[in-house]
N, C-alpha and C. Protein backbone atom coordinates (compact mmCIF):
# COMPACT_ATOMS: atom_id res chain seq x y z
N MET A 1 7.11 -9.77 -47.26
CA MET A 1 6.48 -9.61 -45.49
C MET A 1 5.54 -10.89 -45.54
N GLY A 2 5.67 -11.53 -44.49
CA GLY A 2 4.65 -12.96 -44.39
C GLY A 2 3.25 -12.71 -43.45
N THR A 3 2.75 -13.84 -43.68
CA THR A 3 1.39 -13.50 -42.56
C THR A 3 1.51 -12.79 -41.44
N ILE A 4 0.67 -12.03 -41.36
CA ILE A 4 0.67 -11.41 -39.86
C ILE A 4 -0.04 -11.89 -39.05
N SER A 5 0.44 -12.62 -37.84
CA SER A 5 -0.48 -13.48 -36.91
C SER A 5 -0.29 -12.88 -35.33
N LEU A 6 -0.78 -13.29 -34.55
CA LEU A 6 -1.15 -12.90 -33.12
C LEU A 6 -1.22 -14.23 -32.42
N GLN A 7 -1.06 -15.40 -33.30
CA GLN A 7 -1.06 -16.83 -32.68
C GLN A 7 0.38 -17.61 -32.78
N GLY A 8 0.54 -17.82 -31.49
CA GLY A 8 1.75 -18.43 -31.13
C GLY A 8 1.53 -19.97 -31.18
N GLU A 9 2.44 -20.70 -30.85
CA GLU A 9 2.38 -22.12 -30.62
C GLU A 9 1.44 -22.64 -30.02
N ASN A 10 1.52 -22.12 -28.58
CA ASN A 10 0.70 -22.40 -27.13
C ASN A 10 -0.34 -21.26 -26.66
N ILE A 11 -0.10 -19.83 -27.31
CA ILE A 11 -0.73 -18.97 -26.75
C ILE A 11 -1.55 -18.02 -27.92
N ALA A 12 -2.10 -17.16 -27.45
CA ALA A 12 -2.75 -16.04 -28.47
C ALA A 12 -2.53 -14.72 -27.74
N LEU A 13 -2.67 -13.59 -28.57
CA LEU A 13 -2.59 -12.33 -28.36
C LEU A 13 -3.66 -11.85 -28.71
N ARG A 14 -4.37 -11.32 -27.73
CA ARG A 14 -5.55 -10.52 -28.36
C ARG A 14 -5.55 -8.87 -27.52
N ALA A 15 -6.74 -8.31 -28.13
CA ALA A 15 -6.68 -6.89 -27.81
C ALA A 15 -7.69 -7.17 -26.04
N LEU A 16 -7.47 -5.94 -25.64
CA LEU A 16 -7.98 -5.72 -24.72
C LEU A 16 -9.69 -5.76 -24.55
N GLU A 17 -10.42 -6.32 -23.60
CA GLU A 17 -11.91 -6.34 -23.76
C GLU A 17 -12.46 -5.96 -22.26
N PRO A 18 -13.51 -5.11 -22.16
CA PRO A 18 -13.81 -4.48 -21.09
C PRO A 18 -13.96 -5.60 -19.87
N GLU A 19 -14.02 -6.89 -20.37
CA GLU A 19 -14.25 -8.08 -19.35
C GLU A 19 -12.81 -8.22 -18.68
N ASP A 20 -11.74 -7.47 -18.94
CA ASP A 20 -10.32 -7.59 -18.73
C ASP A 20 -10.56 -6.61 -17.64
N LEU A 21 -11.23 -5.98 -16.96
CA LEU A 21 -11.11 -4.86 -15.82
C LEU A 21 -10.74 -5.36 -14.85
N ASP A 22 -11.32 -6.65 -14.38
CA ASP A 22 -10.78 -7.21 -12.84
C ASP A 22 -9.25 -7.60 -13.01
N LEU A 23 -8.83 -8.16 -14.08
CA LEU A 23 -7.78 -8.70 -14.13
C LEU A 23 -6.74 -7.28 -14.09
N LEU A 24 -7.01 -6.34 -15.18
CA LEU A 24 -6.41 -5.35 -14.91
C LEU A 24 -6.19 -4.62 -13.38
N PHE A 25 -7.41 -4.70 -12.72
CA PHE A 25 -7.33 -4.01 -11.92
C PHE A 25 -6.37 -4.67 -10.66
N SER A 26 -6.61 -5.90 -10.85
CA SER A 26 -5.45 -6.67 -9.72
C SER A 26 -3.92 -6.44 -10.09
N ILE A 27 -3.68 -6.40 -11.33
CA ILE A 27 -2.63 -6.62 -11.71
C ILE A 27 -1.63 -5.00 -11.62
N GLU A 28 -2.56 -4.33 -12.21
CA GLU A 28 -2.07 -2.65 -11.98
C GLU A 28 -2.10 -2.37 -10.29
N ASN A 29 -2.93 -2.72 -9.57
CA ASN A 29 -2.62 -2.51 -7.96
C ASN A 29 -1.72 -3.56 -7.23
N ASP A 30 -1.15 -4.38 -7.94
CA ASP A 30 -0.19 -5.48 -7.06
C ASP A 30 0.77 -4.84 -6.74
N THR A 31 1.42 -4.26 -5.36
CA THR A 31 2.29 -3.33 -5.50
C THR A 31 3.76 -4.04 -5.94
N SER A 32 3.88 -5.45 -5.60
CA SER A 32 5.33 -6.20 -5.77
C SER A 32 5.63 -5.70 -7.11
N GLY A 33 4.71 -5.41 -8.24
CA GLY A 33 5.07 -5.14 -9.54
C GLY A 33 5.26 -3.43 -10.09
N TRP A 34 5.07 -2.73 -9.05
CA TRP A 34 4.97 -1.49 -9.05
C TRP A 34 6.57 -0.85 -9.62
N GLU A 35 7.56 -1.22 -9.37
CA GLU A 35 8.95 -1.21 -9.60
C GLU A 35 9.20 -1.08 -11.00
N LEU A 36 8.48 -2.34 -11.87
CA LEU A 36 8.87 -2.62 -12.92
C LEU A 36 7.95 -1.66 -14.00
N SER A 37 6.94 -0.96 -13.37
CA SER A 37 6.10 -0.32 -14.07
C SER A 37 6.09 1.43 -13.93
N ASN A 38 7.18 1.29 -13.07
CA ASN A 38 6.99 2.87 -12.28
C ASN A 38 6.02 3.45 -11.95
N THR A 39 5.07 2.53 -10.97
CA THR A 39 3.82 2.98 -10.58
C THR A 39 3.89 3.38 -8.93
N GLN A 40 3.53 4.54 -8.33
CA GLN A 40 3.59 4.68 -7.17
C GLN A 40 2.18 4.81 -6.54
N VAL A 41 1.00 5.07 -7.14
CA VAL A 41 0.03 4.81 -6.41
C VAL A 41 -1.28 4.12 -7.04
N PRO A 42 -2.06 3.37 -6.54
CA PRO A 42 -2.97 2.79 -7.31
C PRO A 42 -4.07 3.05 -8.12
N TYR A 43 -4.41 2.51 -9.20
CA TYR A 43 -5.32 2.87 -10.09
C TYR A 43 -6.64 2.61 -9.57
N SER A 44 -7.80 3.35 -9.77
CA SER A 44 -9.16 3.18 -9.75
C SER A 44 -9.63 2.41 -10.73
N LYS A 45 -10.87 1.47 -10.57
CA LYS A 45 -11.77 0.71 -11.61
C LYS A 45 -12.15 1.96 -12.57
N HIS A 46 -12.50 3.18 -12.11
CA HIS A 46 -12.81 4.10 -13.01
C HIS A 46 -11.88 4.74 -13.98
N ILE A 47 -10.73 4.88 -13.51
CA ILE A 47 -9.51 5.09 -14.36
C ILE A 47 -9.16 4.24 -15.60
N LEU A 48 -9.41 2.73 -15.02
CA LEU A 48 -8.94 1.68 -15.51
C LEU A 48 -9.89 1.24 -16.62
N LYS A 49 -11.25 1.60 -16.15
CA LYS A 49 -12.00 1.70 -17.46
C LYS A 49 -12.02 2.65 -18.42
N GLN A 50 -11.85 3.69 -18.33
CA GLN A 50 -11.31 4.93 -19.19
C GLN A 50 -10.42 4.48 -19.96
N TYR A 51 -9.38 3.90 -19.27
CA TYR A 51 -8.14 3.25 -20.36
C TYR A 51 -8.46 2.15 -21.17
N LEU A 52 -9.44 1.22 -20.70
CA LEU A 52 -10.12 0.13 -21.69
C LEU A 52 -10.94 0.51 -22.74
N SER A 53 -11.63 2.11 -22.39
CA SER A 53 -12.70 2.43 -23.56
C SER A 53 -11.64 3.35 -24.74
N ASN A 54 -10.37 3.28 -24.47
CA ASN A 54 -9.65 4.03 -25.18
C ASN A 54 -8.58 3.16 -25.73
N ALA A 55 -8.67 2.28 -25.13
CA ALA A 55 -7.55 0.82 -25.85
C ALA A 55 -7.57 0.62 -27.20
N HIS A 56 -8.37 1.03 -27.99
CA HIS A 56 -8.49 0.81 -29.55
C HIS A 56 -7.85 1.82 -30.25
N GLN A 57 -7.23 2.63 -29.26
CA GLN A 57 -6.48 3.69 -30.25
C GLN A 57 -5.46 3.13 -31.06
N ASP A 58 -5.09 3.55 -32.31
CA ASP A 58 -4.13 2.84 -33.19
C ASP A 58 -2.64 3.13 -32.42
N ILE A 59 -1.80 2.38 -32.62
CA ILE A 59 -0.35 2.26 -31.79
C ILE A 59 0.43 3.50 -32.63
N TYR A 60 -0.06 4.24 -33.93
CA TYR A 60 0.59 5.22 -33.91
C TYR A 60 0.12 6.59 -33.58
N GLU A 61 -1.01 6.36 -33.34
CA GLU A 61 -1.73 7.61 -32.37
C GLU A 61 -1.15 7.27 -30.75
N ALA A 62 -1.47 6.25 -30.23
CA ALA A 62 -1.40 5.87 -28.48
C ALA A 62 0.10 5.76 -28.45
N LYS A 63 0.93 5.28 -29.61
CA LYS A 63 2.34 5.08 -29.14
C LYS A 63 2.40 3.84 -28.49
N GLN A 64 1.54 3.19 -28.23
CA GLN A 64 1.80 1.71 -27.22
C GLN A 64 0.47 1.04 -27.69
N LEU A 65 0.84 -0.24 -27.30
CA LEU A 65 -0.23 -1.42 -27.31
C LEU A 65 -0.17 -2.38 -26.57
N ARG A 66 -1.39 -2.53 -25.84
CA ARG A 66 -1.32 -3.52 -24.87
C ARG A 66 -2.19 -4.62 -25.41
N LEU A 67 -1.54 -6.13 -25.24
CA LEU A 67 -2.22 -7.33 -25.57
C LEU A 67 -2.32 -8.51 -24.43
N VAL A 68 -3.53 -8.64 -24.33
CA VAL A 68 -3.47 -10.03 -23.13
C VAL A 68 -3.10 -11.07 -23.98
N ILE A 69 -2.18 -11.87 -23.16
CA ILE A 69 -1.60 -13.51 -23.57
C ILE A 69 -2.88 -14.34 -22.94
N THR A 70 -2.83 -15.14 -23.93
CA THR A 70 -4.04 -16.07 -23.59
C THR A 70 -3.82 -17.44 -23.90
N ASP A 71 -4.70 -18.42 -23.54
CA ASP A 71 -4.40 -19.68 -24.27
C ASP A 71 -4.81 -19.93 -25.59
N ASN A 72 -4.56 -20.85 -26.42
CA ASN A 72 -5.11 -20.78 -27.55
C ASN A 72 -6.44 -20.69 -28.01
N ASN A 73 -7.24 -20.95 -27.05
CA ASN A 73 -8.63 -21.03 -26.90
C ASN A 73 -8.84 -19.58 -26.96
N LYS A 74 -8.22 -18.68 -26.63
CA LYS A 74 -8.78 -17.09 -26.46
C LYS A 74 -9.46 -17.17 -25.05
N GLU A 75 -9.36 -17.99 -24.21
CA GLU A 75 -10.30 -17.95 -22.89
C GLU A 75 -9.59 -17.69 -21.55
N THR A 76 -8.90 -18.12 -21.49
CA THR A 76 -7.92 -18.28 -20.28
C THR A 76 -6.73 -17.07 -20.49
N ALA A 77 -6.80 -15.88 -19.55
CA ALA A 77 -5.81 -14.90 -19.56
C ALA A 77 -4.69 -15.35 -18.81
N LEU A 78 -3.48 -15.43 -19.51
CA LEU A 78 -2.11 -15.53 -18.86
C LEU A 78 -1.08 -14.55 -18.24
N GLY A 79 -1.32 -13.20 -19.03
CA GLY A 79 -0.50 -11.94 -18.54
C GLY A 79 -0.83 -11.11 -19.34
N PHE A 80 -0.33 -10.19 -19.75
CA PHE A 80 0.37 -8.99 -20.83
C PHE A 80 1.25 -8.87 -21.44
N ILE A 81 1.36 -8.65 -22.55
CA ILE A 81 2.49 -8.15 -23.20
C ILE A 81 2.13 -6.84 -23.91
N ASP A 82 2.92 -6.05 -23.97
CA ASP A 82 3.13 -4.58 -24.40
C ASP A 82 4.38 -4.04 -25.55
N LEU A 83 3.72 -3.01 -26.23
CA LEU A 83 4.35 -2.33 -26.89
C LEU A 83 4.34 -1.15 -26.79
N PHE A 84 6.03 -0.38 -26.08
CA PHE A 84 5.41 0.89 -25.58
C PHE A 84 6.44 1.95 -26.60
N ASP A 85 6.28 3.16 -26.38
CA ASP A 85 7.03 4.44 -26.42
C ASP A 85 7.72 3.98 -28.30
N PHE A 86 6.67 3.61 -29.11
CA PHE A 86 6.61 3.57 -30.56
C PHE A 86 7.18 4.43 -31.20
N ASP A 87 8.16 4.47 -32.17
CA ASP A 87 8.92 5.48 -32.53
C ASP A 87 8.92 4.82 -34.27
N PRO A 88 7.94 5.56 -34.81
CA PRO A 88 7.87 5.02 -36.48
C PRO A 88 9.00 5.49 -37.27
N LYS A 89 9.51 6.97 -36.84
CA LYS A 89 10.25 7.40 -37.55
C LYS A 89 11.83 6.72 -37.48
N ASN A 90 11.97 6.49 -36.12
CA ASN A 90 13.27 5.72 -36.05
C ASN A 90 13.02 3.69 -35.87
N ARG A 91 11.94 3.45 -36.30
CA ARG A 91 11.56 2.17 -36.35
C ARG A 91 11.67 1.23 -35.00
N ARG A 92 11.33 1.74 -34.04
CA ARG A 92 11.74 1.15 -32.53
C ARG A 92 10.63 1.32 -32.02
N VAL A 93 10.70 0.28 -31.15
CA VAL A 93 9.63 -0.09 -30.26
C VAL A 93 9.89 -0.79 -28.68
N GLY A 94 9.73 -0.01 -27.60
CA GLY A 94 9.88 -0.96 -26.49
C GLY A 94 8.81 -2.02 -26.39
N VAL A 95 9.28 -3.39 -25.78
CA VAL A 95 8.64 -4.29 -24.94
C VAL A 95 8.68 -4.89 -23.63
N GLY A 96 7.55 -5.05 -23.24
CA GLY A 96 7.24 -5.11 -21.70
C GLY A 96 6.41 -6.49 -21.64
N LEU A 97 6.90 -7.42 -20.64
CA LEU A 97 5.87 -8.51 -20.53
C LEU A 97 5.54 -9.04 -19.06
N MET A 98 4.37 -9.55 -18.81
CA MET A 98 3.70 -9.65 -17.37
C MET A 98 3.03 -10.99 -17.44
N LEU A 99 3.71 -11.91 -17.20
CA LEU A 99 2.77 -13.11 -16.62
C LEU A 99 2.19 -13.54 -15.39
N LEU A 100 0.87 -14.03 -15.11
CA LEU A 100 0.43 -14.26 -13.92
C LEU A 100 1.23 -15.27 -13.33
N GLU A 101 1.49 -15.28 -12.03
CA GLU A 101 2.33 -16.03 -11.39
C GLU A 101 2.05 -17.71 -11.78
N THR A 102 0.60 -18.09 -12.15
CA THR A 102 0.55 -19.62 -12.50
C THR A 102 0.69 -19.84 -13.92
N ALA A 103 1.08 -18.87 -14.73
CA ALA A 103 1.74 -19.21 -15.72
C ALA A 103 3.19 -19.13 -16.08
N ARG A 104 4.08 -18.86 -15.12
CA ARG A 104 5.21 -18.65 -14.95
C ARG A 104 6.00 -20.07 -15.40
N GLY A 105 7.12 -20.06 -16.10
CA GLY A 105 7.75 -21.33 -16.12
C GLY A 105 7.17 -22.56 -17.02
N LYS A 106 6.49 -22.04 -18.08
CA LYS A 106 5.66 -23.07 -19.03
C LYS A 106 5.75 -22.72 -20.35
N GLY A 107 6.74 -21.79 -20.46
CA GLY A 107 7.03 -21.62 -22.11
C GLY A 107 5.89 -20.29 -22.88
N PHE A 108 4.87 -19.79 -21.78
CA PHE A 108 4.11 -19.29 -22.41
C PHE A 108 4.75 -17.73 -22.76
N GLY A 109 5.71 -17.28 -21.67
CA GLY A 109 6.71 -16.12 -22.27
C GLY A 109 7.24 -15.78 -23.42
N LYS A 110 7.94 -17.12 -23.37
CA LYS A 110 8.57 -17.24 -24.70
C LYS A 110 7.86 -17.06 -25.90
N ASP A 111 6.78 -17.97 -25.85
CA ASP A 111 5.93 -18.28 -27.17
C ASP A 111 5.09 -16.83 -27.00
N ALA A 112 4.78 -15.84 -26.27
CA ALA A 112 4.25 -14.79 -26.56
C ALA A 112 5.26 -13.73 -26.96
N LEU A 113 6.73 -13.48 -26.43
CA LEU A 113 7.56 -12.78 -26.83
C LEU A 113 7.95 -12.81 -28.28
N THR A 114 7.98 -14.13 -28.78
CA THR A 114 8.20 -14.49 -30.19
C THR A 114 7.37 -14.02 -30.72
N THR A 115 5.74 -14.29 -30.65
CA THR A 115 4.67 -13.88 -31.36
C THR A 115 4.60 -12.31 -31.19
N LEU A 116 4.71 -11.90 -30.32
CA LEU A 116 4.58 -10.27 -30.76
C LEU A 116 6.17 -9.64 -31.45
N CYS A 117 7.19 -10.25 -31.32
CA CYS A 117 8.59 -9.90 -32.07
C CYS A 117 8.11 -9.89 -33.44
N ASP A 118 7.70 -11.12 -34.19
CA ASP A 118 7.04 -11.43 -35.26
C ASP A 118 6.32 -10.38 -35.60
N TYR A 119 5.44 -10.15 -34.97
CA TYR A 119 4.26 -9.20 -35.19
C TYR A 119 4.61 -7.68 -35.40
N ALA A 120 5.48 -7.27 -34.39
CA ALA A 120 5.99 -5.99 -34.28
C ALA A 120 6.90 -5.71 -35.81
N PHE A 121 7.85 -6.73 -36.32
CA PHE A 121 8.43 -6.47 -37.12
C PHE A 121 7.76 -6.27 -38.63
N ASP A 122 6.67 -7.37 -38.74
CA ASP A 122 5.78 -7.48 -39.83
C ASP A 122 5.03 -6.46 -40.07
N ALA A 123 4.22 -6.18 -38.93
CA ALA A 123 2.75 -5.04 -39.19
C ALA A 123 3.61 -3.71 -38.61
N PHE A 124 4.38 -3.57 -38.33
CA PHE A 124 4.99 -1.92 -37.92
C PHE A 124 6.48 -1.31 -38.90
N GLN A 125 6.83 -2.67 -39.26
CA GLN A 125 8.15 -2.57 -40.21
C GLN A 125 8.86 -1.99 -39.06
N VAL A 126 9.03 -2.44 -37.94
CA VAL A 126 10.03 -1.78 -36.96
C VAL A 126 11.59 -2.43 -37.40
N HIS A 127 12.77 -1.91 -37.11
CA HIS A 127 14.17 -2.31 -37.14
C HIS A 127 14.42 -2.87 -35.69
N GLN A 128 14.03 -2.45 -34.97
CA GLN A 128 14.27 -3.16 -33.56
C GLN A 128 13.42 -2.69 -32.69
N LEU A 129 13.43 -3.94 -31.28
CA LEU A 129 12.93 -3.86 -30.14
C LEU A 129 13.71 -3.91 -28.83
N TYR A 130 13.12 -3.13 -28.06
CA TYR A 130 14.07 -3.26 -26.85
C TYR A 130 13.24 -3.20 -25.66
N ALA A 131 14.37 -3.77 -24.46
CA ALA A 131 13.59 -4.11 -23.28
C ALA A 131 14.46 -3.55 -22.00
N ASN A 132 13.82 -2.92 -21.32
CA ASN A 132 14.56 -2.41 -19.65
C ASN A 132 14.00 -3.40 -18.95
N ILE A 133 15.05 -3.92 -18.13
CA ILE A 133 15.17 -5.29 -17.45
C ILE A 133 16.05 -4.98 -16.03
N THR A 134 15.43 -4.82 -15.05
CA THR A 134 16.21 -4.61 -13.52
C THR A 134 17.23 -5.90 -13.33
N SER A 135 18.45 -5.81 -13.10
CA SER A 135 19.50 -6.61 -13.41
C SER A 135 19.44 -7.66 -12.14
N ASP A 136 18.14 -7.24 -11.04
CA ASP A 136 17.70 -8.79 -10.51
C ASP A 136 16.93 -9.66 -10.95
N ASN A 137 16.36 -9.49 -12.24
CA ASN A 137 15.11 -10.18 -12.68
C ASN A 137 16.03 -11.47 -13.52
N ALA A 138 16.04 -12.08 -12.94
CA ALA A 138 16.98 -13.26 -13.68
C ALA A 138 15.95 -13.86 -14.66
N ALA A 139 14.69 -14.14 -14.20
CA ALA A 139 13.87 -14.71 -15.38
C ALA A 139 13.78 -14.08 -16.80
N SER A 140 13.08 -12.80 -16.22
CA SER A 140 13.26 -11.84 -17.45
C SER A 140 14.36 -12.39 -18.49
N ILE A 141 15.70 -11.77 -17.69
CA ILE A 141 17.06 -11.61 -18.45
C ILE A 141 17.20 -12.81 -19.33
N ALA A 142 16.98 -14.19 -18.85
CA ALA A 142 17.03 -15.35 -19.29
C ALA A 142 16.08 -15.35 -20.59
N LEU A 143 14.87 -15.05 -20.45
CA LEU A 143 13.87 -15.33 -21.34
C LEU A 143 14.21 -14.26 -22.69
N PHE A 144 14.60 -12.66 -22.26
CA PHE A 144 15.15 -12.14 -23.23
C PHE A 144 16.48 -12.32 -23.90
N GLU A 145 17.24 -12.88 -23.22
CA GLU A 145 18.55 -13.20 -23.91
C GLU A 145 18.14 -14.63 -24.77
N ASN A 146 17.31 -15.16 -24.04
CA ASN A 146 17.03 -16.63 -25.11
C ASN A 146 16.36 -16.43 -26.53
N GLN A 147 15.48 -15.36 -26.50
CA GLN A 147 14.81 -14.98 -27.55
C GLN A 147 15.71 -14.17 -28.56
N GLY A 148 17.18 -13.93 -28.21
CA GLY A 148 17.87 -13.19 -29.19
C GLY A 148 18.37 -12.00 -28.71
N PHE A 149 17.67 -11.22 -27.62
CA PHE A 149 17.92 -9.70 -27.27
C PHE A 149 19.43 -9.78 -26.76
N VAL A 150 20.24 -8.76 -27.05
CA VAL A 150 21.52 -8.50 -26.77
C VAL A 150 21.47 -6.88 -25.56
N LYS A 151 22.36 -7.71 -24.47
CA LYS A 151 22.34 -6.56 -23.33
C LYS A 151 23.39 -5.47 -24.04
N VAL A 152 22.83 -4.34 -24.05
CA VAL A 152 23.58 -3.02 -25.00
C VAL A 152 24.18 -2.06 -23.85
N GLY A 153 23.66 -2.01 -22.71
CA GLY A 153 24.14 -0.91 -21.82
C GLY A 153 23.37 -1.38 -20.44
N VAL A 154 23.93 -0.49 -19.41
CA VAL A 154 23.67 -0.69 -17.97
C VAL A 154 23.39 0.92 -17.64
N LYS A 155 22.04 1.18 -17.14
CA LYS A 155 21.71 2.18 -16.28
C LYS A 155 22.00 2.24 -14.60
N LYS A 156 22.94 2.69 -14.42
CA LYS A 156 23.42 2.25 -12.88
C LYS A 156 22.59 2.95 -12.13
N ASP A 157 22.23 2.20 -10.90
CA ASP A 157 21.48 2.70 -9.90
C ASP A 157 20.29 3.51 -10.33
N TRP A 158 19.56 2.73 -11.17
CA TRP A 158 18.72 3.38 -12.09
C TRP A 158 17.15 3.39 -11.42
N SER A 159 16.97 2.68 -10.46
CA SER A 159 15.42 2.39 -9.71
C SER A 159 15.86 2.38 -8.27
N PHE A 160 15.21 2.98 -7.48
CA PHE A 160 15.14 2.69 -6.07
C PHE A 160 13.78 2.02 -5.34
N SER A 161 14.07 1.11 -4.81
CA SER A 161 13.32 -0.04 -4.29
C SER A 161 13.66 -0.60 -3.11
N LYS A 162 12.78 -0.51 -2.21
CA LYS A 162 12.75 -1.01 -0.86
C LYS A 162 14.00 -0.75 0.09
N GLY A 163 14.79 0.56 -0.48
CA GLY A 163 15.85 1.13 0.30
C GLY A 163 17.07 0.93 -0.29
N SER A 164 17.08 0.63 -1.77
CA SER A 164 18.56 0.29 -2.15
C SER A 164 18.19 0.82 -3.99
N PHE A 165 19.29 0.89 -4.20
CA PHE A 165 19.21 1.01 -6.19
C PHE A 165 19.61 -0.23 -6.64
N LYS A 166 18.81 -0.03 -7.91
CA LYS A 166 19.34 -1.66 -8.73
C LYS A 166 19.77 -0.82 -10.01
N ASP A 167 20.53 -1.32 -10.55
CA ASP A 167 20.51 -1.28 -12.28
C ASP A 167 19.55 -1.58 -13.06
N GLU A 168 19.29 -1.15 -14.13
CA GLU A 168 18.47 -1.30 -15.47
C GLU A 168 19.50 -1.87 -16.42
N LEU A 169 19.07 -2.99 -16.90
CA LEU A 169 19.99 -3.49 -18.27
C LEU A 169 18.77 -3.10 -19.31
N ILE A 170 19.75 -2.72 -20.28
CA ILE A 170 19.20 -2.37 -21.51
C ILE A 170 19.20 -3.43 -22.69
N TYR A 171 18.16 -4.16 -23.40
CA TYR A 171 18.58 -5.31 -24.26
C TYR A 171 17.84 -4.82 -25.63
N GLN A 172 18.43 -5.06 -26.90
CA GLN A 172 17.93 -4.80 -27.97
C GLN A 172 17.73 -5.97 -28.73
N TYR A 173 17.14 -6.04 -29.70
CA TYR A 173 16.82 -7.10 -30.90
C TYR A 173 16.92 -6.37 -32.02
N ILE A 174 17.75 -6.03 -32.77
CA ILE A 174 17.79 -5.60 -34.16
C ILE A 174 17.85 -6.68 -35.16
N LYS A 175 17.04 -6.48 -36.03
CA LYS A 175 16.24 -7.31 -37.31
C LYS A 175 17.36 -6.94 -38.50
N GLU A 176 17.93 -7.62 -38.87
CA GLU A 176 19.21 -7.70 -39.75
C GLU A 176 18.43 -7.80 -41.26
């Protein structure tokens, strides 16, 4: 096993801090992203403060881990990256990523995904990571495919949004 790191080439991944409340509030309440997170109602700052106060929970307890993607100085937040539905018995975990609009198209997503995948394989000894991506999310499809994730299935008409159904694609990255 190599050195476990949350440092990428141009990004760093760090734990949530109380100072992230306003950013978390704006992202979680941006209705344009709700279909990705299956959110249907806004979050109050009170609820998000409670979430932040419990963000220290171990992934084995919470079954999830949300990290902030920052620049290398850990000063500027660029987005969030998550591990979710952690299943230590079957050694798998889901991954989700959300970059701020201003951080997109600059390689930060690739760097963050690579860093998180390496971290998950090393720190938690998972055998595979998976992602669920709507079929119309070309940027995410390209990102995950370029990082070695392989499309293994399609959930037909999985999400209903803006009057129509969308397929959800299932991607896996299995460590050999």
